[in-house]
Amino acid sequence: MENERQEILEGLLEVLKTVRTIDPERLVGVTEETDFLTDLSTPSTELINIAAKVEQKFNIEFEDEDIDRMGSKVKDVIDLIIMVKERSK
């Protein structure tokens, strides 16, 4: 399980590197506790865009309520990805 979270975190970082509103230097040392809004200065409107890229990257599909429930920390996104993967099994 721990391994899966690490893989998702790495995939998530790849996604975040493509988001032009995030300063790549802020992505150094990102952990599950990193907050998109405060630590990465991500505009809240950008989170939808990130969610769409995450769906493509991990080949999953979020429901609207998943996105509504998504917190602003990296771990929240990882939890969501794992939940959606489990749901689609």
PDB file of N, CA and C in Angstrom:
ATOM      1  N   MET A   1       0.839  -1.209   0.000  1.00  0.00           N
ATOM      2  CA  MET A   1       0.000   0.000   0.000  1.00  0.00           C
ATOM      3  C   MET A   1       0.870   1.254   0.000  1.00  0.00           C
ATOM      4  N   GLU A   2       1.882   1.236   0.856  1.00  0.00           N
ATOM      5  CA  GLU A   2       2.798   2.381   0.947  1.00  0.00           C
ATOM      6  C   GLU A   2       3.458   2.639  -0.408  1.00  0.00           C
ATOM      7  N   ASN A   3       3.822   1.532  -1.062  1.00  0.00           N
ATOM      8  CA  ASN A   3       4.450   1.610  -2.374  1.00  0.00           C
ATOM      9  C   ASN A   3       3.537   2.269  -3.398  1.00  0.00           C
ATOM     10  N   GLU A   4       2.257   1.881  -3.340  1.00  0.00           N
ATOM     11  CA  GLU A   4       1.281   2.442  -4.275  1.00  0.00           C
ATOM     12  C   GLU A   4       1.159   3.946  -4.087  1.00  0.00           C
ATOM     13  N   ARG A   5       1.136   4.387  -2.833  1.00  0.00           N
ATOM     14  CA  ARG A   5       1.031   5.825  -2.545  1.00  0.00           C
ATOM     15  C   ARG A   5       2.244   6.564  -3.117  1.00  0.00           C
ATOM     16  N   GLN A   6       3.416   5.956  -2.975  1.00  0.00           N
ATOM     17  CA  GLN A   6       4.637   6.586  -3.485  1.00  0.00           C
ATOM     18  C   GLN A   6       4.579   6.700  -5.007  1.00  0.00           C
ATOM     19  N   GLU A   7       4.101   5.640  -5.664  1.00  0.00           N
ATOM     20  CA  GLU A   7       3.979   5.676  -7.125  1.00  0.00           C
ATOM     21  C   GLU A   7       3.002   6.745  -7.566  1.00  0.00           C
ATOM     22  N   ILE A   8       1.891   6.849  -6.840  1.00  0.00           N
ATOM     23  CA  ILE A   8       0.886   7.863  -7.187  1.00  0.00           C
ATOM     24  C   ILE A   8       1.469   9.258  -6.978  1.00  0.00           C
ATOM     25  N   LEU A   9       2.194   9.436  -5.880  1.00  0.00           N
ATOM     26  CA  LEU A   9       2.818  10.735  -5.604  1.00  0.00           C
ATOM     27  C   LEU A   9       3.758  11.121  -6.749  1.00  0.00           C
ATOM     28  N   GLU A  10       4.546  10.160  -7.216  1.00  0.00           N
ATOM     29  CA  GLU A  10       5.475  10.446  -8.318  1.00  0.00           C
ATOM     30  C   GLU A  10       4.715  10.806  -9.599  1.00  0.00           C
ATOM     31  N   GLY A  11       3.624  10.072  -9.859  1.00  0.00           N
ATOM     32  CA  GLY A  11       2.810  10.383 -11.028  1.00  0.00           C
ATOM     33  C   GLY A  11       2.169  11.750 -10.915  1.00  0.00           C
ATOM     34  N   LEU A  12       1.744  12.060  -9.699  1.00  0.00           N
ATOM     35  CA  LEU A  12       1.119  13.354  -9.440  1.00  0.00           C
ATOM     36  C   LEU A  12       2.124  14.485  -9.677  1.00  0.00           C
ATOM     37  N   LEU A  13       3.357  14.263  -9.267  1.00  0.00           N
ATOM     38  CA  LEU A  13       4.401  15.276  -9.492  1.00  0.00           C
ATOM     39  C   LEU A  13       4.618  15.500 -10.989  1.00  0.00           C
ATOM     40  N   GLU A  14       4.577  14.421 -11.760  1.00  0.00           N
ATOM     41  CA  GLU A  14       4.722  14.565 -13.212  1.00  0.00           C
ATOM     42  C   GLU A  14       3.608  15.445 -13.772  1.00  0.00           C
ATOM     43  N   VAL A  15       2.400  15.229 -13.267  1.00  0.00           N
ATOM     44  CA  VAL A  15       1.257  16.041 -13.688  1.00  0.00           C
ATOM     45  C   VAL A  15       1.476  17.502 -13.298  1.00  0.00           C
ATOM     46  N   LEU A  16       1.894  17.716 -12.049  1.00  0.00           N
ATOM     47  CA  LEU A  16       2.043  19.086 -11.547  1.00  0.00           C
ATOM     48  C   LEU A  16       3.123  19.862 -12.297  1.00  0.00           C
ATOM     49  N   LYS A  17       4.113  19.146 -12.800  1.00  0.00           N
ATOM     50  CA  LYS A  17       5.168  19.820 -13.568  1.00  0.00           C
ATOM     51  C   LYS A  17       4.628  20.398 -14.871  1.00  0.00           C
ATOM     52  N   THR A  18       3.471  19.912 -15.318  1.00  0.00           N
ATOM     53  CA  THR A  18       2.900  20.423 -16.569  1.00  0.00           C
ATOM     54  C   THR A  18       1.932  21.582 -16.323  1.00  0.00           C
ATOM     55  N   VAL A  19       1.688  21.908 -15.054  1.00  0.00           N
ATOM     56  CA  VAL A  19       0.755  22.995 -14.724  1.00  0.00           C
ATOM     57  C   VAL A  19       1.530  24.302 -14.668  1.00  0.00           C
ATOM     58  N   ARG A  20       1.221  25.182 -15.592  1.00  0.00           N
ATOM     59  CA  ARG A  20       2.066  26.375 -15.731  1.00  0.00           C
ATOM     60  C   ARG A  20       1.912  27.377 -14.595  1.00  0.00           C
ATOM     61  N   THR A  21       0.832  27.262 -13.808  1.00  0.00           N
ATOM     62  CA  THR A  21       0.673  28.210 -12.697  1.00  0.00           C
ATOM     63  C   THR A  21       1.451  27.781 -11.452  1.00  0.00           C
ATOM     64  N   ILE A  22       2.067  26.599 -11.507  1.00  0.00           N
ATOM     65  CA  ILE A  22       2.847  26.139 -10.348  1.00  0.00           C
ATOM     66  C   ILE A  22       4.333  26.319 -10.638  1.00  0.00           C
ATOM     67  N   ASP A  23       5.006  27.012  -9.738  1.00  0.00           N
ATOM     68  CA  ASP A  23       6.445  27.221  -9.858  1.00  0.00           C
ATOM     69  C   ASP A  23       7.151  25.871  -9.632  1.00  0.00           C
ATOM     70  N   PRO A  24       7.883  25.385 -10.654  1.00  0.00           N
ATOM     71  CA  PRO A  24       8.539  24.072 -10.535  1.00  0.00           C
ATOM     72  C   PRO A  24       9.438  23.961  -9.302  1.00  0.00           C
ATOM     73  N   GLU A  25      10.006  25.079  -8.870  1.00  0.00           N
ATOM     74  CA  GLU A  25      10.892  25.030  -7.698  1.00  0.00           C
ATOM     75  C   GLU A  25      10.126  24.645  -6.444  1.00  0.00           C
ATOM     76  N   ARG A  26       8.838  24.964  -6.416  1.00  0.00           N
ATOM     77  CA  ARG A  26       8.019  24.623  -5.246  1.00  0.00           C
ATOM     78  C   ARG A  26       7.729  23.126  -5.183  1.00  0.00           C
ATOM     79  N   LEU A  27       7.945  22.426  -6.307  1.00  0.00           N
ATOM     80  CA  LEU A  27       7.652  20.995  -6.347  1.00  0.00           C
ATOM     81  C   LEU A  27       8.776  20.146  -5.760  1.00  0.00           C
ATOM     82  N   VAL A  28       9.900  20.790  -5.454  1.00  0.00           N
ATOM     83  CA  VAL A  28      11.004  20.062  -4.837  1.00  0.00           C
ATOM     84  C   VAL A  28      10.616  19.743  -3.396  1.00  0.00           C
ATOM     85  N   GLY A  29      10.688  18.470  -3.045  1.00  0.00           N
ATOM     86  CA  GLY A  29      10.384  18.089  -1.665  1.00  0.00           C
ATOM     87  C   GLY A  29       8.906  18.030  -1.324  1.00  0.00           C
ATOM     88  N   VAL A  30       8.052  17.934  -2.334  1.00  0.00           N
ATOM     89  CA  VAL A  30       6.616  17.804  -2.079  1.00  0.00           C
ATOM     90  C   VAL A  30       6.345  16.505  -1.329  1.00  0.00           C
ATOM     91  N   THR A  31       5.500  16.566  -0.308  1.00  0.00           N
ATOM     92  CA  THR A  31       5.095  15.372   0.439  1.00  0.00           C
ATOM     93  C   THR A  31       3.573  15.299   0.434  1.00  0.00           C
ATOM     94  N   GLU A  32       3.048  14.264   1.084  1.00  0.00           N
ATOM     95  CA  GLU A  32       1.595  14.129   1.154  1.00  0.00           C
ATOM     96  C   GLU A  32       0.966  15.276   1.944  1.00  0.00           C
ATOM     97  N   GLU A  33       1.760  15.921   2.788  1.00  0.00           N
ATOM     98  CA  GLU A  33       1.231  17.028   3.606  1.00  0.00           C
ATOM     99  C   GLU A  33       1.271  18.370   2.870  1.00  0.00           C
ATOM    100  N   THR A  34       1.891  18.393   1.705  1.00  0.00           N
ATOM    101  CA  THR A  34       1.963  19.644   0.943  1.00  0.00           C
ATOM    102  C   THR A  34       0.556  20.088   0.565  1.00  0.00           C
ATOM    103  N   ASP A  35       0.293  21.370   0.735  1.00  0.00           N
ATOM    104  CA  ASP A  35      -1.016  21.933   0.412  1.00  0.00           C
ATOM    105  C   ASP A  35      -0.925  22.682  -0.917  1.00  0.00           C
ATOM    106  N   PHE A  36      -1.828  22.340  -1.831  1.00  0.00           N
ATOM    107  CA  PHE A  36      -1.811  22.982  -3.150  1.00  0.00           C
ATOM    108  C   PHE A  36      -1.978  24.493  -3.040  1.00  0.00           C
ATOM    109  N   LEU A  37      -2.909  24.915  -2.204  1.00  0.00           N
ATOM    110  CA  LEU A  37      -3.251  26.334  -2.163  1.00  0.00           C
ATOM    111  C   LEU A  37      -2.203  27.161  -1.432  1.00  0.00           C
ATOM    112  N   THR A  38      -1.752  26.673  -0.263  1.00  0.00           N
ATOM    113  CA  THR A  38      -0.811  27.491   0.511  1.00  0.00           C
ATOM    114  C   THR A  38       0.645  27.231   0.143  1.00  0.00           C
ATOM    115  N   ASP A  39       1.022  25.940  -0.012  1.00  0.00           N
ATOM    116  CA  ASP A  39       2.431  25.627  -0.266  1.00  0.00           C
ATOM    117  C   ASP A  39       2.828  25.819  -1.730  1.00  0.00           C
ATOM    118  N   LEU A  40       1.912  25.480  -2.634  1.00  0.00           N
ATOM    119  CA  LEU A  40       2.253  25.570  -4.060  1.00  0.00           C
ATOM    120  C   LEU A  40       1.646  26.803  -4.723  1.00  0.00           C
ATOM    121  N   SER A  41       0.879  27.578  -3.940  1.00  0.00           N
ATOM    122  CA  SER A  41       0.208  28.778  -4.473  1.00  0.00           C
ATOM    123  C   SER A  41      -0.608  28.470  -5.726  1.00  0.00           C
ATOM    124  N   THR A  42      -1.274  27.323  -5.725  1.00  0.00           N
ATOM    125  CA  THR A  42      -2.098  26.944  -6.869  1.00  0.00           C
ATOM    126  C   THR A  42      -3.420  27.677  -6.778  1.00  0.00           C
ATOM    127  N   PRO A  43      -3.829  28.364  -7.853  1.00  0.00           N
ATOM    128  CA  PRO A  43      -5.164  28.983  -7.820  1.00  0.00           C
ATOM    129  C   PRO A  43      -6.209  27.878  -7.673  1.00  0.00           C
ATOM    130  N   SER A  44      -7.239  28.114  -6.854  1.00  0.00           N
ATOM    131  CA  SER A  44      -8.242  27.069  -6.629  1.00  0.00           C
ATOM    132  C   SER A  44      -8.907  26.650  -7.940  1.00  0.00           C
ATOM    133  N   THR A  45      -9.004  27.586  -8.888  1.00  0.00           N
ATOM    134  CA  THR A  45      -9.609  27.249 -10.185  1.00  0.00           C
ATOM    135  C   THR A  45      -8.752  26.239 -10.938  1.00  0.00           C
ATOM    136  N   GLU A  46      -7.466  26.199 -10.625  1.00  0.00           N
ATOM    137  CA  GLU A  46      -6.541  25.293 -11.315  1.00  0.00           C
ATOM    138  C   GLU A  46      -6.721  23.845 -10.842  1.00  0.00           C
ATOM    139  N   LEU A  47      -7.319  23.668  -9.677  1.00  0.00           N
ATOM    140  CA  LEU A  47      -7.477  22.313  -9.143  1.00  0.00           C
ATOM    141  C   LEU A  47      -8.330  21.438 -10.058  1.00  0.00           C
ATOM    142  N   ILE A  48      -9.303  22.036 -10.726  1.00  0.00           N
ATOM    143  CA  ILE A  48     -10.151  21.280 -11.663  1.00  0.00           C
ATOM    144  C   ILE A  48      -9.301  20.791 -12.835  1.00  0.00           C
ATOM    145  N   ASN A  49      -8.466  21.675 -13.327  1.00  0.00           N
ATOM    146  CA  ASN A  49      -7.546  21.349 -14.419  1.00  0.00           C
ATOM    147  C   ASN A  49      -6.605  20.212 -13.994  1.00  0.00           C
ATOM    148  N   ILE A  50      -6.086  20.307 -12.776  1.00  0.00           N
ATOM    149  CA  ILE A  50      -5.194  19.273 -12.251  1.00  0.00           C
ATOM    150  C   ILE A  50      -5.944  17.950 -12.163  1.00  0.00           C
ATOM    151  N   ALA A  51      -7.190  17.995 -11.684  1.00  0.00           N
ATOM    152  CA  ALA A  51      -8.002  16.774 -11.569  1.00  0.00           C
ATOM    153  C   ALA A  51      -8.171  16.120 -12.937  1.00  0.00           C
ATOM    154  N   ALA A  52      -8.390  16.922 -13.966  1.00  0.00           N
ATOM    155  CA  ALA A  52      -8.561  16.387 -15.325  1.00  0.00           C
ATOM    156  C   ALA A  52      -7.272  15.719 -15.804  1.00  0.00           C
ATOM    157  N   LYS A  53      -6.140  16.344 -15.511  1.00  0.00           N
ATOM    158  CA  LYS A  53      -4.854  15.770 -15.915  1.00  0.00           C
ATOM    159  C   LYS A  53      -4.565  14.484 -15.145  1.00  0.00           C
ATOM    160  N   VAL A  54      -4.970  14.459 -13.882  1.00  0.00           N
ATOM    161  CA  VAL A  54      -4.785  13.272 -13.046  1.00  0.00           C
ATOM    162  C   VAL A  54      -5.611  12.111 -13.606  1.00  0.00           C
ATOM    163  N   GLU A  55      -6.833  12.420 -14.050  1.00  0.00           N
ATOM    164  CA  GLU A  55      -7.683  11.383 -14.641  1.00  0.00           C
ATOM    165  C   GLU A  55      -6.996  10.748 -15.841  1.00  0.00           C
ATOM    166  N   GLN A  56      -6.419  11.583 -16.685  1.00  0.00           N
ATOM    167  CA  GLN A  56      -5.717  11.074 -17.878  1.00  0.00           C
ATOM    168  C   GLN A  56      -4.496  10.254 -17.479  1.00  0.00           C
ATOM    169  N   LYS A  57      -3.721  10.796 -16.570  1.00  0.00           N
ATOM    170  CA  LYS A  57      -2.465  10.158 -16.149  1.00  0.00           C
ATOM    171  C   LYS A  57      -2.722   8.759 -15.576  1.00  0.00           C
ATOM    172  N   PHE A  58      -3.750   8.655 -14.724  1.00  0.00           N
ATOM    173  CA  PHE A  58      -3.993   7.396 -14.009  1.00  0.00           C
ATOM    174  C   PHE A  58      -5.117   6.574 -14.638  1.00  0.00           C
ATOM    175  N   ASN A  59      -5.641   7.075 -15.750  1.00  0.00           N
ATOM    176  CA  ASN A  59      -6.699   6.371 -16.473  1.00  0.00           C
ATOM    177  C   ASN A  59      -7.889   6.052 -15.561  1.00  0.00           C
ATOM    178  N   ILE A  60      -8.357   7.083 -14.871  1.00  0.00           N
ATOM    179  CA  ILE A  60      -9.505   6.948 -13.977  1.00  0.00           C
ATOM    180  C   ILE A  60     -10.496   8.060 -14.298  1.00  0.00           C
ATOM    181  N   GLU A  61     -11.666   7.970 -13.690  1.00  0.00           N
ATOM    182  CA  GLU A  61     -12.654   9.025 -13.897  1.00  0.00           C
ATOM    183  C   GLU A  61     -13.258   9.420 -12.559  1.00  0.00           C
ATOM    184  N   PHE A  62     -13.122  10.701 -12.232  1.00  0.00           N
ATOM    185  CA  PHE A  62     -13.708  11.214 -10.997  1.00  0.00           C
ATOM    186  C   PHE A  62     -15.179  11.531 -11.221  1.00  0.00           C
ATOM    187  N   GLU A  63     -15.982  11.318 -10.194  1.00  0.00           N
ATOM    188  CA  GLU A  63     -17.362  11.810 -10.206  1.00  0.00           C
ATOM    189  C   GLU A  63     -17.311  13.264  -9.744  1.00  0.00           C
ATOM    190  N   ASP A  64     -18.374  14.016 -10.049  1.00  0.00           N
ATOM    191  CA  ASP A  64     -18.408  15.420  -9.615  1.00  0.00           C
ATOM    192  C   ASP A  64     -18.235  15.549  -8.105  1.00  0.00           C
ATOM    193  N   GLU A  65     -18.890  14.633  -7.360  1.00  0.00           N
ATOM    194  CA  GLU A  65     -18.797  14.746  -5.895  1.00  0.00           C
ATOM    195  C   GLU A  65     -17.398  14.407  -5.394  1.00  0.00           C
ATOM    196  N   ASP A  66     -16.647  13.601  -6.154  1.00  0.00           N
ATOM    197  CA  ASP A  66     -15.254  13.327  -5.763  1.00  0.00           C
ATOM    198  C   ASP A  66     -14.471  14.629  -5.768  1.00  0.00           C
ATOM    199  N   ILE A  67     -14.668  15.383  -6.836  1.00  0.00           N
ATOM    200  CA  ILE A  67     -13.942  16.654  -6.984  1.00  0.00           C
ATOM    201  C   ILE A  67     -14.384  17.633  -5.894  1.00  0.00           C
ATOM    202  N   ASP A  68     -15.679  17.652  -5.624  1.00  0.00           N
ATOM    203  CA  ASP A  68     -16.184  18.558  -4.578  1.00  0.00           C
ATOM    204  C   ASP A  68     -15.593  18.228  -3.219  1.00  0.00           C
ATOM    205  N   ARG A  69     -15.373  16.915  -3.001  1.00  0.00           N
ATOM    206  CA  ARG A  69     -14.867  16.458  -1.710  1.00  0.00           C
ATOM    207  C   ARG A  69     -13.359  16.579  -1.592  1.00  0.00           C
ATOM    208  N   MET A  70     -12.704  16.753  -2.715  1.00  0.00           N
ATOM    209  CA  MET A  70     -11.245  16.750  -2.719  1.00  0.00           C
ATOM    210  C   MET A  70     -10.699  17.884  -1.859  1.00  0.00           C
ATOM    211  N   GLY A  71      -9.830  17.513  -0.928  1.00  0.00           N
ATOM    212  CA  GLY A  71      -9.204  18.530  -0.095  1.00  0.00           C
ATOM    213  C   GLY A  71      -8.078  19.201  -0.863  1.00  0.00           C
ATOM    214  N   SER A  72      -7.349  20.069  -0.199  1.00  0.00           N
ATOM    215  CA  SER A  72      -6.309  20.817  -0.913  1.00  0.00           C
ATOM    216  C   SER A  72      -4.908  20.281  -0.648  1.00  0.00           C
ATOM    217  N   LYS A  73      -4.817  19.157   0.056  1.00  0.00           N
ATOM    218  CA  LYS A  73      -3.485  18.579   0.298  1.00  0.00           C
ATOM    219  C   LYS A  73      -3.202  17.454  -0.690  1.00  0.00           C
ATOM    220  N   VAL A  74      -1.939  17.215  -0.919  1.00  0.00           N
ATOM    221  CA  VAL A  74      -1.516  16.154  -1.835  1.00  0.00           C
ATOM    222  C   VAL A  74      -2.101  14.809  -1.401  1.00  0.00           C
ATOM    223  N   LYS A  75      -2.106  14.551  -0.082  1.00  0.00           N
ATOM    224  CA  LYS A  75      -2.625  13.260   0.391  1.00  0.00           C
ATOM    225  C   LYS A  75      -4.105  13.096   0.053  1.00  0.00           C
ATOM    226  N   ASP A  76      -4.847  14.188   0.007  1.00  0.00           N
ATOM    227  CA  ASP A  76      -6.279  14.117  -0.326  1.00  0.00           C
ATOM    228  C   ASP A  76      -6.461  13.619  -1.759  1.00  0.00           C
ATOM    229  N   VAL A  77      -5.599  14.091  -2.637  1.00  0.00           N
ATOM    230  CA  VAL A  77      -5.676  13.670  -4.039  1.00  0.00           C
ATOM    231  C   VAL A  77      -5.271  12.199  -4.162  1.00  0.00           C
ATOM    232  N   ILE A  78      -4.229  11.803  -3.443  1.00  0.00           N
ATOM    233  CA  ILE A  78      -3.787  10.401  -3.474  1.00  0.00           C
ATOM    234  C   ILE A  78      -4.897   9.490  -2.950  1.00  0.00           C
ATOM    235  N   ASP A  79      -5.525   9.890  -1.829  1.00  0.00           N
ATOM    236  CA  ASP A  79      -6.639   9.103  -1.273  1.00  0.00           C
ATOM    237  C   ASP A  79      -7.746   8.957  -2.301  1.00  0.00           C
ATOM    238  N   LEU A  80      -8.036  10.051  -2.985  1.00  0.00           N
ATOM    239  CA  LEU A  80      -9.110  10.060  -3.982  1.00  0.00           C
ATOM    240  C   LEU A  80      -8.783   9.122  -5.150  1.00  0.00           C
ATOM    241  N   ILE A  81      -7.548   9.169  -5.624  1.00  0.00           N
ATOM    242  CA  ILE A  81      -7.132   8.306  -6.738  1.00  0.00           C
ATOM    243  C   ILE A  81      -7.286   6.846  -6.327  1.00  0.00           C
ATOM    244  N   ILE A  82      -6.844   6.503  -5.116  1.00  0.00           N
ATOM    245  CA  ILE A  82      -6.934   5.119  -4.641  1.00  0.00           C
ATOM    246  C   ILE A  82      -8.407   4.705  -4.515  1.00  0.00           C
ATOM    247  N   MET A  83      -9.241   5.602  -4.000  1.00  0.00           N
ATOM    248  CA  MET A  83     -10.656   5.293  -3.830  1.00  0.00           C
ATOM    249  C   MET A  83     -11.332   5.022  -5.183  1.00  0.00           C
ATOM    250  N   VAL A  84     -11.019   5.868  -6.159  1.00  0.00           N
ATOM    251  CA  VAL A  84     -11.634   5.706  -7.486  1.00  0.00           C
ATOM    252  C   VAL A  84     -11.146   4.415  -8.151  1.00  0.00           C
ATOM    253  N   LYS A  85      -9.849   4.116  -7.974  1.00  0.00           N
ATOM    254  CA  LYS A  85      -9.314   2.870  -8.525  1.00  0.00           C
ATOM    255  C   LYS A  85     -10.019   1.653  -7.919  1.00  0.00           C
ATOM    256  N   GLU A  86     -10.214   1.692  -6.598  1.00  0.00           N
ATOM    257  CA  GLU A  86     -10.886   0.593  -5.902  1.00  0.00           C
ATOM    258  C   GLU A  86     -12.323   0.457  -6.415  1.00  0.00           C
ATOM    259  N   ARG A  87     -12.975   1.586  -6.588  1.00  0.00           N
ATOM    260  CA  ARG A  87     -14.379   1.613  -6.993  1.00  0.00           C
ATOM    261  C   ARG A  87     -14.563   1.024  -8.395  1.00  0.00           C
ATOM    262  N   SER A  88     -13.551   1.219  -9.226  1.00  0.00           N
ATOM    263  CA  SER A  88     -13.714   0.787 -10.608  1.00  0.00           C
ATOM    264  C   SER A  88     -13.233  -0.648 -10.849  1.00  0.00           C
ATOM    265  N   LYS A  89     -12.847  -1.319  -9.777  1.00  0.00           N
ATOM    266  CA  LYS A  89     -12.390  -2.722  -9.930  1.00  0.00           C
ATOM    267  C   LYS A  89     -13.564  -3.646 -10.183  1.00  0.00           C
TER     268      LYS A  89
END
